[in-house]
Amino acid sequence: MSCSKHVLNLHWEHHSWHTRVTLAEDVTAEENSMWGCPVDRTEVRCFKEDVCTACGAVRSRGACVCDTAKAAQCPVRLAWIDDPQRSAAN
């Protein structure tokens, strides 16, 4: 099914986007505390893309970075973790 519309020589696309994670990784960075001591900070970086549920078109959303507590509650990341196809590929 195509999401492209053609009316009176005009062309536009109307997609039904669904966000999914393609890769998620823990990133550890060293930064200084307010006293100048090095402190390790762990963040989660997710690479996301949008997929049209009707036609399968894909567009990249880039990466997002958040702390581990927020990442543990992110429904898009949790769906990627629970995906059985991802586990079978590893």
Protein backbone atom coordinates (compact mmCIF):
# COMPACT_ATOMS: atom_id res chain seq x y z
CA MET A 1 0.00 0.00 0.00
CA SER A 2 1.33 3.43 -0.90
CA CYS A 3 1.10 6.43 1.40
CA SER A 4 1.58 8.87 -1.51
CA LYS A 5 -1.39 10.96 -2.59
CA HIS A 6 -1.78 12.55 -6.03
CA VAL A 7 -4.55 15.10 -6.53
CA LEU A 8 -4.63 17.87 -9.15
CA ASN A 9 -0.95 17.45 -10.00
CA LEU A 10 0.02 17.78 -6.31
CA HIS A 11 1.99 15.09 -4.53
CA TRP A 12 2.29 14.55 -0.80
CA GLU A 13 2.94 11.68 1.53
CA HIS A 14 0.96 10.82 4.62
CA HIS A 15 2.63 8.14 6.71
CA SER A 16 1.65 6.48 9.99
CA TRP A 17 5.02 6.53 11.75
CA HIS A 18 6.02 4.08 14.47
CA THR A 19 9.32 4.62 16.31
CA ARG A 20 11.73 1.74 16.93
CA VAL A 21 15.25 1.39 18.28
CA THR A 22 17.86 -0.14 15.98
CA LEU A 23 20.78 -0.11 18.46
CA ALA A 24 21.17 0.76 22.13
CA GLU A 25 24.41 0.92 24.05
CA ASP A 26 25.71 1.99 27.44
CA VAL A 27 28.23 4.81 27.25
CA THR A 28 30.53 5.63 30.15
CA ALA A 29 31.96 9.12 30.28
CA GLU A 30 34.36 10.62 32.78
CA GLU A 31 33.56 14.08 34.03
CA ASN A 32 34.66 16.19 36.96
CA SER A 33 32.63 16.70 40.10
CA MET A 34 32.19 20.17 41.56
CA TRP A 35 35.37 19.54 43.58
CA GLY A 36 37.38 18.64 40.49
CA CYS A 37 37.49 14.88 41.15
CA PRO A 38 36.96 12.55 38.18
CA VAL A 39 33.61 10.78 38.29
CA ASP A 40 32.36 8.10 35.89
CA ARG A 41 28.86 8.67 34.52
CA THR A 42 26.94 6.02 32.58
CA GLU A 43 24.37 7.01 29.98
CA VAL A 44 22.36 5.06 27.42
CA ARG A 45 22.51 5.98 23.73
CA CYS A 46 19.78 4.72 21.40
CA PHE A 47 19.73 4.97 17.63
CA LYS A 48 16.12 5.31 16.49
CA GLU A 49 14.21 5.23 13.24
CA ASP A 50 10.60 5.72 12.23
CA VAL A 51 8.83 3.04 10.20
CA CYS A 52 5.51 3.57 8.42
CA THR A 53 3.01 0.93 9.52
CA ALA A 54 1.19 1.14 6.17
CA CYS A 55 3.91 1.08 3.50
CA GLY A 56 7.13 0.22 5.37
CA ALA A 57 8.99 3.46 4.56
CA VAL A 58 11.86 4.20 6.93
CA ARG A 59 13.35 7.49 8.10
CA SER A 60 16.20 7.95 10.56
CA ARG A 61 15.65 9.87 13.78
CA GLY A 62 19.29 9.87 14.83
CA ALA A 63 20.46 9.14 18.35
CA CYS A 64 19.18 10.12 21.75
CA VAL A 65 21.11 10.03 25.01
CA CYS A 66 19.52 9.71 28.44
CA ASP A 67 20.46 8.57 31.93
CA THR A 68 20.06 4.93 32.90
CA ALA A 69 16.97 5.52 35.07
CA LYS A 70 15.05 7.15 32.22
CA ALA A 71 16.26 4.49 29.75
CA ALA A 72 14.98 1.74 32.05
CA GLN A 73 11.45 3.16 31.63
CA CYS A 74 11.58 4.07 27.90
CA PRO A 75 8.90 1.98 26.13
CA VAL A 76 10.66 2.13 22.74
CA ARG A 77 13.95 0.84 24.19
CA LEU A 78 12.18 -1.83 26.24
CA ALA A 79 10.41 -3.08 23.10
CA TRP A 80 13.82 -3.38 21.42
CA ILE A 81 15.21 -5.34 24.38
CA ASP A 82 12.20 -7.72 24.39
CA ASP A 83 12.29 -8.26 20.59
CA PRO A 84 12.79 -12.01 19.97
CA GLN A 85 14.23 -11.39 16.48
CA ARG A 86 17.04 -9.30 17.97
CA SER A 87 17.95 -12.07 20.45
CA ALA A 88 17.97 -14.71 17.71
CA ALA A 89 20.41 -12.64 15.63
CA ASN A 90 22.96 -12.53 18.48
